[in-house]
Protein backbone atom coordinates (compact mmCIF):
# COMPACT_ATOMS: atom_id res chain seq x y z
CA MET A 1 31.30 42.75 -105.69
CA ASP A 2 27.60 42.29 -106.49
CA THR A 3 27.37 38.65 -107.61
CA ALA A 4 23.87 39.27 -108.99
CA LEU A 5 25.29 41.96 -111.28
CA ALA A 6 27.97 39.58 -112.52
CA ASP A 7 25.36 36.89 -113.12
CA ARG A 8 23.10 39.24 -115.10
CA LEU A 9 26.02 40.46 -117.22
CA ALA A 10 27.09 36.89 -117.95
CA ALA A 11 23.53 35.89 -118.85
CA VAL A 12 23.16 38.78 -121.31
CA ASP A 13 26.54 38.03 -122.88
CA GLU A 14 25.48 34.42 -123.35
CA ARG A 15 22.28 35.57 -125.07
CA ILE A 16 24.32 37.87 -127.32
CA GLN A 17 26.55 34.96 -128.28
CA ASP A 18 23.53 32.73 -128.97
CA ALA A 19 21.85 35.39 -131.13
CA ALA A 20 25.07 36.05 -133.03
CA ARG A 21 25.54 32.35 -133.67
CA ALA A 22 21.97 32.04 -134.96
CA ALA A 23 22.60 34.98 -137.31
CA HIS A 24 25.93 33.50 -138.47
CA ARG A 25 27.76 36.49 -137.03
CA ASP A 26 30.83 36.90 -134.84
CA ALA A 27 29.78 38.01 -131.36
CA ALA A 28 33.19 39.65 -130.92
CA ALA A 29 32.20 42.18 -133.59
CA ILE A 30 29.20 43.35 -131.51
CA THR A 31 29.71 46.05 -128.87
CA ARG A 32 27.59 45.73 -125.74
CA ILE A 33 26.91 49.16 -124.22
CA VAL A 34 25.61 49.04 -120.65
CA VAL A 35 23.11 51.85 -120.04
CA THR A 36 23.42 53.05 -116.43
CA LYS A 37 20.71 55.73 -116.38
CA PHE A 38 19.87 56.82 -112.80
CA HIS A 39 22.34 54.32 -111.31
CA PRO A 40 25.27 55.65 -109.24
CA ALA A 41 28.82 55.87 -110.48
CA THR A 42 29.71 53.06 -108.08
CA LEU A 43 27.74 50.67 -110.30
CA VAL A 44 29.84 51.73 -113.28
CA SER A 45 33.01 51.01 -111.32
CA GLU A 46 31.65 47.53 -110.48
CA LEU A 47 30.87 46.97 -114.16
CA HIS A 48 34.40 48.07 -115.03
CA ALA A 49 35.78 45.44 -112.66
CA LEU A 50 33.69 42.88 -114.56
CA GLY A 51 35.28 43.91 -117.86
CA VAL A 52 32.72 46.42 -119.14
CA ARG A 53 34.33 49.24 -121.11
CA ASP A 54 31.36 50.79 -122.98
CA VAL A 55 28.67 52.59 -120.97
CA GLY A 56 25.74 54.73 -122.07
CA GLU A 57 23.89 57.68 -120.58
CA ASN A 58 20.65 59.39 -121.63
CA ARG A 59 21.09 62.67 -119.74
CA GLN A 60 23.92 65.14 -120.19
CA GLN A 61 24.07 66.01 -116.49
CA GLU A 62 24.52 62.37 -115.53
CA LEU A 63 27.07 61.77 -118.25
CA THR A 64 29.14 64.76 -117.15
CA ALA A 65 28.98 63.89 -113.45
CA LYS A 66 29.80 60.20 -113.84
CA ARG A 67 32.66 60.78 -116.23
CA ALA A 68 34.18 63.25 -113.78
CA GLU A 69 33.70 60.91 -110.80
CA LEU A 70 35.24 58.02 -112.73
CA ALA A 71 38.15 59.92 -114.23
CA GLY A 72 40.41 57.21 -112.80
CA PHE A 73 39.07 54.80 -115.43
CA PRO A 74 40.37 56.33 -118.68
CA ASP A 75 39.63 53.15 -120.65
CA LEU A 76 35.88 53.60 -120.24
CA LYS A 77 34.11 54.72 -123.42
CA TRP A 78 31.12 56.96 -122.78
CA HIS A 79 28.20 56.87 -125.22
CA PHE A 80 25.58 59.62 -125.15
CA ILE A 81 22.34 58.02 -126.32
CA GLY A 82 19.74 60.59 -125.20
CA GLN A 83 18.03 63.31 -127.16
CA ALA A 84 20.67 65.89 -128.04
CA GLN A 85 19.99 69.60 -127.48
CA THR A 86 21.96 72.45 -129.02
CA ASN A 87 22.25 74.35 -125.74
CA LYS A 88 23.97 71.35 -124.14
CA ALA A 89 26.23 70.55 -127.07
CA ARG A 90 29.38 71.88 -125.42
CA ALA A 91 28.82 69.82 -122.26
CA VAL A 92 28.00 66.69 -124.25
CA ARG A 93 31.07 67.18 -126.42
CA ALA A 94 33.27 67.51 -123.34
CA ALA A 95 32.04 64.26 -121.78
CA ALA A 96 31.07 61.91 -124.63
CA ASP A 97 33.27 59.67 -126.74
CA ALA A 98 30.34 58.91 -129.05
CA VAL A 99 26.96 60.58 -129.62
CA HIS A 100 24.23 58.32 -130.99
CA SER A 101 21.49 60.89 -131.45
CA ILE A 102 22.25 63.33 -134.28
CA ASP A 103 18.87 63.99 -135.91
CA ARG A 104 19.24 67.44 -137.47
CA ALA A 105 21.90 69.66 -138.93
CA ARG A 106 21.70 72.19 -136.08
CA ILE A 107 22.79 69.74 -133.39
CA ALA A 108 25.59 68.45 -135.62
CA ASP A 109 26.79 72.02 -136.17
CA ALA A 110 26.61 72.74 -132.44
CA LEU A 111 28.70 69.69 -131.58
CA ASP A 112 31.17 70.52 -134.33
CA GLY A 113 31.54 74.05 -132.99
CA ALA A 114 32.07 72.97 -129.39
CA ASP A 115 35.47 72.53 -127.83
CA GLY A 116 36.38 68.89 -128.26
CA ARG A 117 38.95 66.23 -127.53
CA GLY A 118 39.79 65.29 -131.09
CA LEU A 119 37.31 63.67 -133.47
CA LEU A 120 33.87 62.83 -132.04
CA ASP A 121 32.18 59.64 -133.23
CA VAL A 122 28.53 60.33 -134.10
CA LEU A 123 25.55 58.39 -135.38
CA LEU A 124 22.36 59.55 -137.07
CA GLN A 125 19.24 58.78 -135.05
CA VAL A 126 16.51 57.53 -137.40
CA ASN A 127 12.81 57.85 -136.55
CA LEU A 128 11.18 54.48 -137.25
CA THR A 129 7.67 55.66 -136.31
CA ASP A 130 5.00 57.71 -138.06
CA ASP A 131 5.15 60.29 -135.25
CA THR A 132 7.17 63.25 -136.52
CA GLY A 133 7.41 64.52 -132.93
CA ARG A 134 9.60 61.61 -131.94
CA GLY A 135 13.36 62.01 -131.96
CA GLY A 136 15.15 61.05 -135.13
CA VAL A 137 15.49 62.08 -138.74
CA ASP A 138 12.89 60.75 -141.17
CA PRO A 139 14.38 57.94 -143.28
CA SER A 140 13.83 60.06 -146.38
CA GLY A 141 16.24 62.67 -145.00
CA VAL A 142 19.04 60.34 -143.94
CA GLU A 143 21.30 60.82 -146.96
CA GLU A 144 21.04 64.62 -146.84
CA LEU A 145 21.88 64.71 -143.13
CA ALA A 146 24.71 62.23 -143.64
CA ALA A 147 26.22 64.46 -146.30
CA HIS A 148 25.99 67.47 -143.98
CA VAL A 149 27.65 65.67 -141.06
CA ALA A 150 30.33 64.24 -143.34
CA GLY A 151 31.32 67.80 -144.19
CA LEU A 152 32.01 68.78 -140.56
CA SER A 153 35.68 68.59 -139.71
CA THR A 154 35.51 67.50 -136.04
CA LEU A 155 32.78 64.86 -136.34
CA ARG A 156 33.28 61.33 -137.63
CA LEU A 157 30.07 59.77 -138.93
CA ARG A 158 30.00 56.13 -137.85
CA GLY A 159 26.47 54.97 -138.75
CA VAL A 160 22.87 55.00 -137.55
CA MET A 161 20.86 54.50 -134.38
CA ALA A 162 17.18 53.85 -133.69
CA VAL A 163 14.66 52.64 -131.14
CA ALA A 164 12.13 50.08 -132.37
CA PRO A 165 8.48 51.20 -131.99
CA LEU A 166 6.52 49.42 -129.27
CA ASP A 167 3.60 48.66 -131.60
CA GLU A 168 5.57 46.80 -134.26
CA GLU A 169 7.59 43.63 -134.54
CA PRO A 170 11.20 44.67 -133.85
CA VAL A 171 12.54 42.72 -136.84
CA ARG A 172 10.45 44.75 -139.28
CA ALA A 173 11.60 48.03 -137.71
CA PHE A 174 15.25 46.98 -137.73
CA GLU A 175 14.94 45.96 -141.38
CA ARG A 176 14.03 49.57 -142.14
CA LEU A 177 16.95 50.79 -140.07
CA ARG A 178 19.26 48.59 -142.09
CA ARG A 179 18.05 50.32 -145.25
CA SER A 180 18.89 53.67 -143.65
CA ALA A 181 22.31 52.27 -142.78
CA ASP A 182 22.80 51.40 -146.43
CA ALA A 183 21.83 54.95 -147.39
CA VAL A 184 24.42 56.39 -145.00
CA ARG A 185 27.12 54.09 -146.36
CA ALA A 186 26.34 55.36 -149.84
CA VAL A 187 27.59 58.73 -148.54
CA VAL A 188 30.27 57.54 -146.06
CA PRO A 189 31.32 54.00 -147.02
CA ASP A 190 32.99 53.18 -143.70
CA ALA A 191 30.03 54.31 -141.53
CA GLU A 192 29.27 50.74 -140.51
CA TRP A 193 27.84 51.10 -136.99
CA ILE A 194 24.20 50.16 -136.41
CA SER A 195 23.19 51.05 -132.84
CA ALA A 196 19.99 49.11 -132.19
CA GLY A 197 18.54 46.71 -129.68
CA MET A 198 17.76 47.17 -126.02
CA THR A 199 16.83 44.81 -123.19
CA GLY A 200 13.62 43.66 -124.85
CA ASP A 201 14.71 43.28 -128.46
CA PHE A 202 18.47 42.93 -128.81
CA PRO A 203 18.38 39.39 -130.30
CA GLU A 204 16.22 40.71 -133.16
CA ALA A 205 18.60 43.65 -133.61
CA ILE A 206 21.54 41.27 -133.89
CA ALA A 207 19.68 39.28 -136.54
CA MET A 208 19.27 42.50 -138.55
CA GLY A 209 22.94 43.50 -138.34
CA ALA A 210 23.24 45.61 -135.18
CA THR A 211 26.85 46.30 -134.24
CA HIS A 212 26.12 48.17 -130.98
CA LEU A 213 23.53 47.14 -128.40
CA ARG A 214 22.21 49.47 -125.69
CA ILE A 215 21.24 47.26 -122.75
CA GLY A 216 20.15 48.57 -119.37
CA SER A 217 17.97 46.80 -116.83
CA ALA A 218 18.74 43.26 -118.01
CA ILE A 219 22.27 43.93 -116.71
CA THR A 220 21.94 46.70 -114.13
CA GLY A 221 18.69 45.54 -112.55
CA PRO A 222 15.78 47.90 -111.79
CA ARG A 223 16.55 51.59 -111.78
CA PRO A 224 16.76 53.06 -108.28
CA PRO A 225 13.97 55.46 -107.25
CA ARG A 226 14.67 59.10 -107.94
CA ASP A 227 14.42 61.73 -105.23
């Protein structure tokens, strides 16, 4: 067992507890997703031995391969957090337990039409920047997209997701995301997930109500070089 990995995981969990305490929140109500992008499946198995049950992947190919390699760990929950594409919807649906990146009706329809394993938990990705080319639905379109997804029989809308812009204080960005979360709950009252906060800004996300954190290198260490 990699003792450094265990130490990093423990240090992040302590920071989560501290941030939750400062925000007068229960840390047990916050899900820590470990993002293992570019790391081997063996790292995920080590994380599992340390008690990790929620892992995230950005790329469909990696998600599919790792889930297959780690089929012996059925209690792992796999979160797809990368940009979703309609032509990969069937593969994502087959491998993901939750998709955090619904940003248009077409991808929602593609996931709904794919062969699935029961209901698929999904979140609306919200664009918190002024760049319309970035992934995510504009905040002004959140309610309309939420209503569309809510009408799809095999998807279960759980909430919202976003990445804080690099050129803005994270707290201000996450405040806007919280308003989008309120808009979604006006359509689906029990869509209470807020997926926000990464290695550099998860304490601020917790302060603004994040329920799911997507943390990579602070736990996994540097990503290995790619061939």
